[in-house]
Structures are given as structure tokens and as C-alpha cells.
Amino acid sequence: MDYGMGSPLWMPAFGIGIAALVIWSLLWKGLALWRAAKRGEKIWFVVFLVVNTAGILELIYLFLISGAKLSDFTNPKSDHE
């Protein structure tokens, strides 16, 4: 079955999946870049800018290497504490 101008029926779902992957990747990349910059880790910062891994490398850095917890990103804290 076609969906419009000869496109397969699964095409809209594929586009939504790609959009979700982009949003997922940008979220984790942004958090990892922010944390690396805050910690002064220039090499990690550059790696995150250059390498795209759909958030996998960023998650490894955030939670295994830098020791972040999910609560670090969900609870608003003052930098002066």
C-alpha cells in the first residue's frame, strides 16, 4: 500500500523515528557538553562536538565517567551551594 506519491506506508513512522532520535541525541549531547565545559574537560568537549553516537557516548560519560546522577539534571540547584 502506498502513502501518497508512491511512498510506502511506513515512511511517516520512519520520519517520526528519525526526529525522536535527533531530539534524544541533542538532549544528551547538550548535557554532556555542558558538564564537560563546567568541569574544564576540553578533550571530552571536543569529542562530543565531533563524534555523533546517538547519545551513547554522552550517556557513558555523564553517568560512568563523570559520576553524574539523574537528579543532577532534574533538581534545580544554585551554583553557590
PDB file of N, CA and C in Angstrom:
ATOM      1  N   MET A   1       0.844  -1.182   0.000  1.00  0.00           N
ATOM      2  CA  MET A   1       0.000   0.000   0.000  1.00  0.00           C
ATOM      3  C   MET A   1       0.888   1.244   0.000  1.00  0.00           C
ATOM      4  N   ASP A   2       0.519   2.204  -0.781  1.00  0.00           N
ATOM      5  CA  ASP A   2       1.281   3.444  -0.882  1.00  0.00           C
ATOM      6  C   ASP A   2       0.684   4.529   0.002  1.00  0.00           C
ATOM      7  N   TYR A   3       1.545   5.449   0.394  1.00  0.00           N
ATOM      8  CA  TYR A   3       1.124   6.599   1.198  1.00  0.00           C
ATOM      9  C   TYR A   3       1.446   7.845   0.393  1.00  0.00           C
ATOM     10  N   GLY A   4       0.501   8.304  -0.376  1.00  0.00           N
ATOM     11  CA  GLY A   4       0.754   9.491  -1.199  1.00  0.00           C
ATOM     12  C   GLY A   4       1.618   9.155  -2.386  1.00  0.00           C
ATOM     13  N   MET A   5       2.208  10.006  -3.018  1.00  0.00           N
ATOM     14  CA  MET A   5       3.001   9.995  -4.240  1.00  0.00           C
ATOM     15  C   MET A   5       3.972   8.806  -4.371  1.00  0.00           C
ATOM     16  N   GLY A   6       3.509   7.602  -4.137  1.00  0.00           N
ATOM     17  CA  GLY A   6       4.343   6.422  -4.318  1.00  0.00           C
ATOM     18  C   GLY A   6       5.205   6.082  -3.117  1.00  0.00           C
ATOM     19  N   SER A   7       5.042   6.790  -2.007  1.00  0.00           N
ATOM     20  CA  SER A   7       5.816   6.491  -0.803  1.00  0.00           C
ATOM     21  C   SER A   7       5.179   5.332  -0.051  1.00  0.00           C
ATOM     22  N   PRO A   8       5.991   4.454   0.516  1.00  0.00           N
ATOM     23  CA  PRO A   8       5.439   3.338   1.281  1.00  0.00           C
ATOM     24  C   PRO A   8       4.710   3.829   2.536  1.00  0.00           C
ATOM     25  N   LEU A   9       3.848   3.000   3.066  1.00  0.00           N
ATOM     26  CA  LEU A   9       3.043   3.333   4.231  1.00  0.00           C
ATOM     27  C   LEU A   9       3.896   3.589   5.473  1.00  0.00           C
ATOM     28  N   TRP A  10       5.036   2.953   5.594  1.00  0.00           N
ATOM     29  CA  TRP A  10       5.878   3.100   6.783  1.00  0.00           C
ATOM     30  C   TRP A  10       6.703   4.384   6.788  1.00  0.00           C
ATOM     31  N   MET A  11       6.702   5.122   5.713  1.00  0.00           N
ATOM     32  CA  MET A  11       7.537   6.318   5.583  1.00  0.00           C
ATOM     33  C   MET A  11       7.272   7.365   6.675  1.00  0.00           C
ATOM     34  N   PRO A  12       6.022   7.710   7.024  1.00  0.00           N
ATOM     35  CA  PRO A  12       5.811   8.699   8.088  1.00  0.00           C
ATOM     36  C   PRO A  12       6.358   8.229   9.435  1.00  0.00           C
ATOM     37  N   ALA A  13       6.217   6.941   9.743  1.00  0.00           N
ATOM     38  CA  ALA A  13       6.743   6.408  11.002  1.00  0.00           C
ATOM     39  C   ALA A  13       8.262   6.499  11.025  1.00  0.00           C
ATOM     40  N   PHE A  14       8.893   6.290   9.892  1.00  0.00           N
ATOM     41  CA  PHE A  14      10.349   6.393   9.799  1.00  0.00           C
ATOM     42  C   PHE A  14      10.801   7.825  10.097  1.00  0.00           C
ATOM     43  N   GLY A  15      10.082   8.795   9.547  1.00  0.00           N
ATOM     44  CA  GLY A  15      10.409  10.198   9.790  1.00  0.00           C
ATOM     45  C   GLY A  15      10.246  10.578  11.258  1.00  0.00           C
ATOM     46  N   ILE A  16       9.193  10.075  11.890  1.00  0.00           N
ATOM     47  CA  ILE A  16       8.980  10.341  13.314  1.00  0.00           C
ATOM     48  C   ILE A  16      10.087   9.693  14.137  1.00  0.00           C
ATOM     49  N   GLY A  17      10.501   8.499  13.753  1.00  0.00           N
ATOM     50  CA  GLY A  17      11.595   7.809  14.455  1.00  0.00           C
ATOM     51  C   GLY A  17      12.906   8.580  14.350  1.00  0.00           C
ATOM     52  N   ILE A  18      13.199   9.097  13.183  1.00  0.00           N
ATOM     53  CA  ILE A  18      14.418   9.898  12.994  1.00  0.00           C
ATOM     54  C   ILE A  18      14.352  11.168  13.829  1.00  0.00           C
ATOM     55  N   ALA A  19      13.200  11.826  13.845  1.00  0.00           N
ATOM     56  CA  ALA A  19      13.035  13.051  14.641  1.00  0.00           C
ATOM     57  C   ALA A  19      13.230  12.756  16.125  1.00  0.00           C
ATOM     58  N   ALA A  20      12.680  11.646  16.603  1.00  0.00           N
ATOM     59  CA  ALA A  20      12.849  11.258  18.015  1.00  0.00           C
ATOM     60  C   ALA A  20      14.313  10.985  18.328  1.00  0.00           C
ATOM     61  N   LEU A  21      15.022  10.324  17.418  1.00  0.00           N
ATOM     62  CA  LEU A  21      16.447  10.046  17.614  1.00  0.00           C
ATOM     63  C   LEU A  21      17.261  11.331  17.659  1.00  0.00           C
ATOM     64  N   VAL A  22      16.947  12.282  16.817  1.00  0.00           N
ATOM     65  CA  VAL A  22      17.651  13.567  16.805  1.00  0.00           C
ATOM     66  C   VAL A  22      17.422  14.312  18.118  1.00  0.00           C
ATOM     67  N   ILE A  23      16.184  14.343  18.588  1.00  0.00           N
ATOM     68  CA  ILE A  23      15.885  15.018  19.859  1.00  0.00           C
ATOM     69  C   ILE A  23      16.607  14.334  21.012  1.00  0.00           C
ATOM     70  N   TRP A  24      16.565  13.005  21.059  1.00  0.00           N
ATOM     71  CA  TRP A  24      17.259  12.213  22.093  1.00  0.00           C
ATOM     72  C   TRP A  24      18.752  12.535  22.090  1.00  0.00           C
ATOM     73  N   SER A  25      19.355  12.508  20.919  1.00  0.00           N
ATOM     74  CA  SER A  25      20.790  12.759  20.788  1.00  0.00           C
ATOM     75  C   SER A  25      21.152  14.178  21.208  1.00  0.00           C
ATOM     76  N   LEU A  26      20.365  15.165  20.780  1.00  0.00           N
ATOM     77  CA  LEU A  26      20.650  16.559  21.143  1.00  0.00           C
ATOM     78  C   LEU A  26      20.529  16.799  22.642  1.00  0.00           C
ATOM     79  N   LEU A  27      19.566  16.159  23.274  1.00  0.00           N
ATOM     80  CA  LEU A  27      19.402  16.296  24.721  1.00  0.00           C
ATOM     81  C   LEU A  27      20.651  15.835  25.459  1.00  0.00           C
ATOM     82  N   TRP A  28      21.098  14.617  25.181  1.00  0.00           N
ATOM     83  CA  TRP A  28      22.261  14.071  25.887  1.00  0.00           C
ATOM     84  C   TRP A  28      23.546  14.772  25.478  1.00  0.00           C
ATOM     85  N   LYS A  29      23.666  15.156  24.204  1.00  0.00           N
ATOM     86  CA  LYS A  29      24.855  15.877  23.760  1.00  0.00           C
ATOM     87  C   LYS A  29      24.961  17.215  24.478  1.00  0.00           C
ATOM     88  N   GLY A  30      23.841  17.930  24.593  1.00  0.00           N
ATOM     89  CA  GLY A  30      23.836  19.214  25.294  1.00  0.00           C
ATOM     90  C   GLY A  30      24.236  19.070  26.751  1.00  0.00           C
ATOM     91  N   LEU A  31      23.678  18.067  27.429  1.00  0.00           N
ATOM     92  CA  LEU A  31      24.029  17.853  28.838  1.00  0.00           C
ATOM     93  C   LEU A  31      25.500  17.469  29.004  1.00  0.00           C
ATOM     94  N   ALA A  32      25.988  16.609  28.116  1.00  0.00           N
ATOM     95  CA  ALA A  32      27.392  16.191  28.205  1.00  0.00           C
ATOM     96  C   ALA A  32      28.336  17.352  27.891  1.00  0.00           C
ATOM     97  N   LEU A  33      28.012  18.154  26.891  1.00  0.00           N
ATOM     98  CA  LEU A  33      28.841  19.321  26.566  1.00  0.00           C
ATOM     99  C   LEU A  33      28.867  20.304  27.743  1.00  0.00           C
ATOM    100  N   TRP A  34      27.711  20.539  28.334  1.00  0.00           N
ATOM    101  CA  TRP A  34      27.618  21.459  29.467  1.00  0.00           C
ATOM    102  C   TRP A  34      28.459  20.961  30.642  1.00  0.00           C
ATOM    103  N   ARG A  35      28.345  19.672  30.962  1.00  0.00           N
ATOM    104  CA  ARG A  35      29.089  19.116  32.101  1.00  0.00           C
ATOM    105  C   ARG A  35      30.598  19.103  31.824  1.00  0.00           C
ATOM    106  N   ALA A  36      30.994  18.744  30.618  1.00  0.00           N
ATOM    107  CA  ALA A  36      32.417  18.723  30.274  1.00  0.00           C
ATOM    108  C   ALA A  36      33.007  20.129  30.349  1.00  0.00           C
ATOM    109  N   ALA A  37      32.264  21.118  29.866  1.00  0.00           N
ATOM    110  CA  ALA A  37      32.739  22.505  29.925  1.00  0.00           C
ATOM    111  C   ALA A  37      32.843  22.978  31.371  1.00  0.00           C
ATOM    112  N   LYS A  38      31.844  22.656  32.166  1.00  0.00           N
ATOM    113  CA  LYS A  38      31.826  23.068  33.571  1.00  0.00           C
ATOM    114  C   LYS A  38      32.990  22.444  34.344  1.00  0.00           C
ATOM    115  N   ARG A  39      33.358  21.211  33.983  1.00  0.00           N
ATOM    116  CA  ARG A  39      34.463  20.517  34.652  1.00  0.00           C
ATOM    117  C   ARG A  39      35.825  20.834  34.018  1.00  0.00           C
ATOM    118  N   GLY A  40      35.846  21.627  32.948  1.00  0.00           N
ATOM    119  CA  GLY A  40      37.098  22.011  32.301  1.00  0.00           C
ATOM    120  C   GLY A  40      37.745  20.886  31.512  1.00  0.00           C
ATOM    121  N   GLU A  41      36.963  19.918  31.065  1.00  0.00           N
ATOM    122  CA  GLU A  41      37.493  18.770  30.327  1.00  0.00           C
ATOM    123  C   GLU A  41      37.400  19.037  28.826  1.00  0.00           C
ATOM    124  N   LYS A  42      38.437  19.708  28.318  1.00  0.00           N
ATOM    125  CA  LYS A  42      38.438  20.153  26.925  1.00  0.00           C
ATOM    126  C   LYS A  42      38.405  18.998  25.931  1.00  0.00           C
ATOM    127  N   ILE A  43      39.119  17.931  26.217  1.00  0.00           N
ATOM    128  CA  ILE A  43      39.169  16.801  25.280  1.00  0.00           C
ATOM    129  C   ILE A  43      37.789  16.175  25.129  1.00  0.00           C
ATOM    130  N   TRP A  44      37.096  15.952  26.246  1.00  0.00           N
ATOM    131  CA  TRP A  44      35.747  15.399  26.168  1.00  0.00           C
ATOM    132  C   TRP A  44      34.829  16.346  25.403  1.00  0.00           C
ATOM    133  N   PHE A  45      34.960  17.630  25.639  1.00  0.00           N
ATOM    134  CA  PHE A  45      34.121  18.616  24.959  1.00  0.00           C
ATOM    135  C   PHE A  45      34.290  18.499  23.447  1.00  0.00           C
ATOM    136  N   VAL A  46      35.522  18.435  22.981  1.00  0.00           N
ATOM    137  CA  VAL A  46      35.802  18.332  21.542  1.00  0.00           C
ATOM    138  C   VAL A  46      35.277  17.004  20.990  1.00  0.00           C
ATOM    139  N   VAL A  47      35.468  15.917  21.732  1.00  0.00           N
ATOM    140  CA  VAL A  47      34.972  14.609  21.280  1.00  0.00           C
ATOM    141  C   VAL A  47      33.458  14.657  21.086  1.00  0.00           C
ATOM    142  N   PHE A  48      32.740  15.263  22.036  1.00  0.00           N
ATOM    143  CA  PHE A  48      31.284  15.345  21.915  1.00  0.00           C
ATOM    144  C   PHE A  48      30.864  16.217  20.739  1.00  0.00           C
ATOM    145  N   LEU A  49      31.635  17.236  20.413  1.00  0.00           N
ATOM    146  CA  LEU A  49      31.312  18.076  19.263  1.00  0.00           C
ATOM    147  C   LEU A  49      31.515  17.339  17.944  1.00  0.00           C
ATOM    148  N   VAL A  50      32.530  16.481  17.885  1.00  0.00           N
ATOM    149  CA  VAL A  50      32.920  15.847  16.624  1.00  0.00           C
ATOM    150  C   VAL A  50      32.232  14.502  16.394  1.00  0.00           C
ATOM    151  N   VAL A  51      32.078  13.711  17.445  1.00  0.00           N
ATOM    152  CA  VAL A  51      31.575  12.345  17.296  1.00  0.00           C
ATOM    153  C   VAL A  51      30.078  12.297  17.592  1.00  0.00           C
ATOM    154  N   ASN A  52      29.324  11.712  16.687  1.00  0.00           N
ATOM    155  CA  ASN A  52      27.888  11.525  16.891  1.00  0.00           C
ATOM    156  C   ASN A  52      27.603  10.047  17.108  1.00  0.00           C
ATOM    157  N   THR A  53      27.100   9.724  18.302  1.00  0.00           N
ATOM    158  CA  THR A  53      26.827   8.327  18.646  1.00  0.00           C
ATOM    159  C   THR A  53      25.396   8.131  19.124  1.00  0.00           C
ATOM    160  N   ALA A  54      24.489   9.016  18.750  1.00  0.00           N
ATOM    161  CA  ALA A  54      23.074   8.937  19.144  1.00  0.00           C
ATOM    162  C   ALA A  54      22.922   8.938  20.654  1.00  0.00           C
ATOM    163  N   GLY A  55      23.806   9.630  21.340  1.00  0.00           N
ATOM    164  CA  GLY A  55      23.689   9.772  22.784  1.00  0.00           C
ATOM    165  C   GLY A  55      24.389   8.711  23.598  1.00  0.00           C
ATOM    166  N   ILE A  56      24.903   7.665  22.976  1.00  0.00           N
ATOM    167  CA  ILE A  56      25.516   6.565  23.717  1.00  0.00           C
ATOM    168  C   ILE A  56      26.793   7.013  24.420  1.00  0.00           C
ATOM    169  N   LEU A  57      27.718   7.628  23.704  1.00  0.00           N
ATOM    170  CA  LEU A  57      28.962   8.097  24.313  1.00  0.00           C
ATOM    171  C   LEU A  57      28.679   9.150  25.379  1.00  0.00           C
ATOM    172  N   GLU A  58      27.708   9.998  25.129  1.00  0.00           N
ATOM    173  CA  GLU A  58      27.356  11.035  26.091  1.00  0.00           C
ATOM    174  C   GLU A  58      26.822  10.433  27.387  1.00  0.00           C
ATOM    175  N   LEU A  59      25.987   9.403  27.276  1.00  0.00           N
ATOM    176  CA  LEU A  59      25.461   8.728  28.466  1.00  0.00           C
ATOM    177  C   LEU A  59      26.581   8.048  29.256  1.00  0.00           C
ATOM    178  N   ILE A  60      27.507   7.413  28.556  1.00  0.00           N
ATOM    179  CA  ILE A  60      28.646   6.770  29.226  1.00  0.00           C
ATOM    180  C   ILE A  60      29.458   7.810  29.988  1.00  0.00           C
ATOM    181  N   TYR A  61      29.740   8.939  29.342  1.00  0.00           N
ATOM    182  CA  TYR A  61      30.497   9.998  30.002  1.00  0.00           C
ATOM    183  C   TYR A  61      29.751  10.525  31.222  1.00  0.00           C
ATOM    184  N   LEU A  62      28.487  10.880  31.035  1.00  0.00           N
ATOM    185  CA  LEU A  62      27.727  11.506  32.115  1.00  0.00           C
ATOM    186  C   LEU A  62      27.616  10.608  33.345  1.00  0.00           C
ATOM    187  N   PHE A  63      27.233   9.368  33.152  1.00  0.00           N
ATOM    188  CA  PHE A  63      26.889   8.537  34.293  1.00  0.00           C
ATOM    189  C   PHE A  63      28.008   7.606  34.758  1.00  0.00           C
ATOM    190  N   LEU A  64      28.931   7.232  33.891  1.00  0.00           N
ATOM    191  CA  LEU A  64      30.021   6.343  34.320  1.00  0.00           C
ATOM    192  C   LEU A  64      31.321   7.097  34.586  1.00  0.00           C
ATOM    193  N   ILE A  65      31.670   8.039  33.734  1.00  0.00           N
ATOM    194  CA  ILE A  65      32.950   8.725  33.866  1.00  0.00           C
ATOM    195  C   ILE A  65      32.865   9.914  34.808  1.00  0.00           C
ATOM    196  N   SER A  66      31.861  10.779  34.619  1.00  0.00           N
ATOM    197  CA  SER A  66      31.802  11.979  35.459  1.00  0.00           C
ATOM    198  C   SER A  66      31.039  11.748  36.761  1.00  0.00           C
ATOM    199  N   GLY A  67      30.379  10.615  36.886  1.00  0.00           N
ATOM    200  CA  GLY A  67      29.685  10.289  38.127  1.00  0.00           C
ATOM    201  C   GLY A  67      28.393  11.050  38.347  1.00  0.00           C
ATOM    202  N   ALA A  68      27.797  11.556  37.292  1.00  0.00           N
ATOM    203  CA  ALA A  68      26.543  12.294  37.425  1.00  0.00           C
ATOM    204  C   ALA A  68      25.414  11.340  37.806  1.00  0.00           C
ATOM    205  N   LYS A  69      24.419  11.901  38.454  1.00  0.00           N
ATOM    206  CA  LYS A  69      23.195  11.179  38.774  1.00  0.00           C
ATOM    207  C   LYS A  69      22.063  11.869  38.034  1.00  0.00           C
ATOM    208  N   LEU A  70      21.000  11.141  37.764  1.00  0.00           N
ATOM    209  CA  LEU A  70      19.867  11.728  37.061  1.00  0.00           C
ATOM    210  C   LEU A  70      19.322  12.930  37.823  1.00  0.00           C
ATOM    211  N   SER A  71      19.391  12.891  39.139  1.00  0.00           N
ATOM    212  CA  SER A  71      18.896  14.006  39.952  1.00  0.00           C
ATOM    213  C   SER A  71      19.718  15.278  39.738  1.00  0.00           C
ATOM    214  N   ASP A  72      20.947  15.147  39.255  1.00  0.00           N
ATOM    215  CA  ASP A  72      21.767  16.334  38.954  1.00  0.00           C
ATOM    216  C   ASP A  72      21.120  17.182  37.856  1.00  0.00           C
ATOM    217  N   PHE A  73      20.314  16.567  37.019  1.00  0.00           N
ATOM    218  CA  PHE A  73      19.707  17.264  35.895  1.00  0.00           C
ATOM    219  C   PHE A  73      18.226  17.545  36.101  1.00  0.00           C
ATOM    220  N   THR A  74      17.630  16.986  37.152  1.00  0.00           N
ATOM    221  CA  THR A  74      16.210  17.191  37.371  1.00  0.00           C
ATOM    222  C   THR A  74      15.901  18.136  38.519  1.00  0.00           C
ATOM    223  N   ASN A  75      16.764  18.199  39.516  1.00  0.00           N
ATOM    224  CA  ASN A  75      16.536  19.094  40.662  1.00  0.00           C
ATOM    225  C   ASN A  75      17.270  20.404  40.456  1.00  0.00           C
ATOM    226  N   PRO A  76      16.552  21.522  40.434  1.00  0.00           N
ATOM    227  CA  PRO A  76      17.242  22.804  40.286  1.00  0.00           C
ATOM    228  C   PRO A  76      18.078  23.114  41.534  1.00  0.00           C
ATOM    229  N   LYS A  77      19.356  23.421  41.307  1.00  0.00           N
ATOM    230  CA  LYS A  77      20.267  23.771  42.397  1.00  0.00           C
ATOM    231  C   LYS A  77      20.945  25.077  42.057  1.00  0.00           C
ATOM    232  N   SER A  78      21.304  25.791  43.073  1.00  0.00           N
ATOM    233  CA  SER A  78      22.069  27.025  42.894  1.00  0.00           C
ATOM    234  C   SER A  78      23.537  26.677  42.774  1.00  0.00           C
ATOM    235  N   ASP A  79      24.277  27.400  41.933  1.00  0.00           N
ATOM    236  CA  ASP A  79      25.712  27.164  41.788  1.00  0.00           C
ATOM    237  C   ASP A  79      26.474  27.614  43.015  1.00  0.00           C
ATOM    238  N   HIS A  80      25.844  28.346  43.921  1.00  0.00           N
ATOM    239  CA  HIS A  80      26.533  28.884  45.081  1.00  0.00           C
ATOM    240  C   HIS A  80      26.425  27.999  46.314  1.00  0.00           C
ATOM    241  N   GLU A  81      25.860  26.802  46.166  1.00  0.00           N
ATOM    242  CA  GLU A  81      25.716  25.905  47.320  1.00  0.00           C
ATOM    243  C   GLU A  81      27.002  25.180  47.599  1.00  0.00           C
TER     244      GLU A  81
END
